Protein backbone atom coordinates (compact mmCIF):
# COMPACT_ATOMS: atom_id res chain seq x y z
CA MET A 1 -0.02 -0.05 -0.05
CA LYS A 2 2.96 2.24 0.90
CA ILE A 3 4.56 1.61 -2.33
CA TRP A 4 1.39 2.20 -4.43
CA PHE A 5 0.69 5.57 -2.53
CA GLU A 6 4.50 6.57 -3.18
CA GLU A 7 3.94 5.75 -7.16
CA LEU A 8 1.21 8.25 -7.36
CA ASN A 9 1.98 11.79 -8.34
CA ARG A 10 1.93 14.51 -6.10
CA ARG A 11 -1.45 15.92 -7.00
CA GLU A 12 -3.10 12.57 -6.46
CA ARG A 13 -1.56 11.92 -3.09
CA SER A 14 -2.77 15.45 -1.85
CA ILE A 15 -6.18 14.66 -3.09
CA LEU A 16 -6.34 11.33 -1.37
CA LEU A 17 -4.87 12.84 2.01
CA PHE A 18 -7.38 15.70 1.92
CA GLY A 19 -10.26 13.34 0.99
CA GLY A 20 -9.16 10.82 3.76
CA GLY A 21 -9.04 13.64 6.24
CA ALA A 22 -12.33 14.91 5.22
CA LEU A 23 -13.82 11.42 5.62
CA LEU A 24 -12.27 10.94 8.82
CA LEU A 25 -13.81 14.37 10.11
CA MET A 26 -17.23 13.19 8.75
CA LEU A 27 -16.94 9.75 10.49
CA LEU A 28 -15.99 11.39 13.62
CA TYR A 29 -18.90 13.83 13.51
CA ASN A 30 -21.58 11.36 12.49
CA LEU A 31 -20.55 8.42 14.78
CA LEU A 32 -19.53 10.55 17.89
CA TRP A 33 -20.47 14.06 18.04
CA SER A 34 -23.83 14.07 16.60
CA PRO A 35 -25.33 11.22 18.47
CA LEU A 36 -23.87 12.75 21.74
CA SER A 37 -25.40 16.21 20.82
CA GLU A 38 -28.80 14.58 20.21
CA GLN A 39 -28.53 12.75 23.39
CA ASN A 40 -27.67 15.73 25.34
CA GLU A 41 -30.54 17.82 24.03
CA ARG A 42 -33.25 14.81 24.84
CA LEU A 43 -31.73 14.81 28.33
CA ARG A 44 -32.18 18.70 28.40
CA ASP A 45 -35.79 18.30 27.53
CA ASP A 46 -36.32 15.52 29.82
CA ILE A 47 -35.07 17.77 32.81
CA GLY A 48 -37.30 20.63 31.81
CA ASN A 49 -40.17 18.13 31.55
CA GLN A 50 -39.20 16.56 34.99
CA GLN A 51 -38.92 20.12 36.38
CA MET A 52 -42.42 21.20 35.32
CA THR A 53 -43.93 17.89 36.65
CA LEU A 54 -42.03 18.66 39.99
CA ALA A 55 -43.67 21.99 40.22
CA TRP A 56 -47.14 20.66 39.23
CA MET A 57 -46.74 17.78 42.22
CA GLN A 58 -45.79 20.33 44.65
CA GLN A 59 -48.72 22.67 43.87
CA ALA A 60 -51.15 19.63 43.82
CA ALA A 61 -49.55 18.51 47.30
CA GLN A 62 -50.42 21.91 48.60
CA GLN A 63 -53.99 21.88 47.37
CA VAL A 64 -54.51 18.30 48.87
CA LYS A 65 -53.24 19.70 52.22
CA GLN A 66 -55.50 22.56 52.12
CA GLY A 67 -58.50 20.64 51.08
CA GLY A 68 -58.08 17.94 53.32
CA ALA A 69 -58.77 20.29 56.13
CA GLN A 70 -61.78 21.53 54.16
CA THR A 71 -63.29 18.08 53.48
CA ALA A 72 -63.56 16.82 56.94
CA ARG A 73 -66.17 19.63 57.76
CA ARG A 74 -68.37 18.91 54.63
CA ASN A 75 -70.56 15.76 56.00
CA VAL A 76 -73.28 17.81 57.43
CA ASN A 77 -76.10 15.42 57.53
CA GLY A 78 -73.94 12.49 59.19
CA GLU A 79 -75.33 9.70 57.00
CA SER A 80 -73.44 6.51 56.80
CA LEU A 81 -70.82 6.05 54.12
CA LEU A 82 -73.01 3.27 52.46
CA THR A 83 -76.24 5.34 52.35
CA LEU A 84 -74.17 8.34 50.95
CA VAL A 85 -72.66 6.30 48.33
CA ASP A 86 -75.88 4.54 47.26
CA ARG A 87 -77.75 7.87 47.21
CA THR A 88 -75.25 9.87 45.19
CA ALA A 89 -74.73 7.05 42.76
CA LYS A 90 -78.46 6.77 42.03
CA SER A 91 -78.66 10.60 41.75
CA SER A 92 -75.64 10.50 39.33
CA ALA A 93 -77.53 8.56 36.96
CA LEU A 94 -75.36 5.27 37.95
CA GLY A 95 -78.28 3.71 39.70
CA GLY A 96 -78.82 1.25 36.89
CA SER A 97 -75.05 0.11 36.56
CA ILE A 98 -75.06 -0.72 40.24
CA LYS A 99 -74.89 -4.56 40.62
CA ARG A 100 -73.48 -4.64 44.14
CA ILE A 101 -72.87 -2.50 47.15
CA GLN A 102 -71.52 -3.54 50.46
CA PRO A 103 -69.48 -2.36 53.40
CA ASP A 104 -65.74 -3.57 53.96
CA LYS A 105 -64.06 -4.57 57.34
CA GLU A 106 -62.14 -1.30 57.52
CA GLY A 107 -65.46 0.92 57.57
CA GLY A 108 -65.37 1.57 53.76
CA VAL A 109 -67.74 0.77 51.03
CA ARG A 110 -67.08 -1.89 48.16
CA ILE A 111 -69.20 -1.06 44.89
CA TRP A 112 -69.40 -2.99 41.64
CA LEU A 113 -70.70 -1.20 38.65
CA GLU A 114 -71.23 -2.87 35.41
CA LYS A 115 -71.64 -0.92 31.96
CA ALA A 116 -71.16 2.36 33.58
CA GLU A 117 -70.51 5.52 31.77
CA PHE A 118 -66.87 6.24 32.47
CA ASN A 119 -67.12 10.12 32.50
CA GLN A 120 -70.32 9.93 34.65
CA MET A 121 -68.40 7.69 37.08
CA MET A 122 -65.62 9.90 37.37
CA ARG A 123 -67.67 12.93 37.88
CA TRP A 124 -69.39 11.07 40.78
CA LEU A 125 -66.32 10.18 42.26
CA ALA A 126 -64.97 13.74 42.06
CA THR A 127 -68.28 15.00 43.69
CA LEU A 128 -68.17 12.38 46.51
CA SER A 129 -64.40 13.67 47.18
CA ARG A 130 -65.14 17.20 46.90
CA ASN A 131 -68.52 17.61 48.77
CA HIS A 132 -68.37 14.73 51.16
CA GLY A 133 -64.72 14.03 51.73
CA VAL A 134 -64.81 10.45 50.35
CA ILE A 135 -61.67 8.99 48.80
CA LEU A 136 -61.18 6.27 46.36
CA SER A 137 -58.90 3.75 48.15
CA ASP A 138 -58.75 0.98 45.47
CA SER A 139 -60.22 0.49 41.97
CA ASN A 140 -60.30 -2.23 39.26
CA ILE A 141 -61.77 -0.84 36.04
CA GLU A 142 -62.07 -2.87 32.71
CA LYS A 143 -63.19 -1.20 29.45
CA GLN A 144 -66.26 -2.79 27.69
CA LEU A 145 -66.53 -3.26 23.92
CA THR A 146 -68.77 -0.21 23.63
CA PRO A 147 -66.75 2.89 23.96
CA GLY A 148 -67.20 4.75 26.97
CA LEU A 149 -68.64 2.08 28.88
CA VAL A 150 -66.63 0.31 31.92
CA ASP A 151 -67.13 -2.60 34.42
CA ALA A 152 -65.81 -1.20 37.89
CA ARG A 153 -64.99 -2.50 41.25
CA LEU A 154 -64.41 0.49 43.63
CA THR A 155 -63.53 0.73 47.11
CA LEU A 156 -64.35 4.05 48.98
CA LYS A 157 -63.35 5.46 52.31
CA GLY A 158 -64.77 8.34 54.16
CA GLU A 159 -62.24 10.70 55.55
CA SER A 160 -64.71 12.42 58.03
CA LEU A 161 -67.18 9.63 58.09
């Protein structure tokens, strides 16, 4: 190879050296610099997203702390959790979806819903939480073939009940 290179005229050798150097620089850029630069940019974006998530979580934690003191005072009529859950589910148009409702050992209520409208169920749970201090402690939700309908097994607990 060395003999072949030395047999080339000066112009061909300089073209080969220049082209080889340019090829080496392109390889270094494409194999090292570009992937590292892209990874660095992705990591910067991830850090920004994580910082935004952290800020949101800290704000939500403050709201939960403030809301916890308020929800403890909201159960004005003193009805049992079982009665409250049954009454509010029926008034939220979920009455036809209730298949079973029973108290559990820890003072909560288990409720089984079949073919319940998901959005309606979520509004009902939000109302229970906001107006009555009831929290969802366990859930198993399965979607149905019909869009928007779910089967759900929920365990609800009362903070102030």
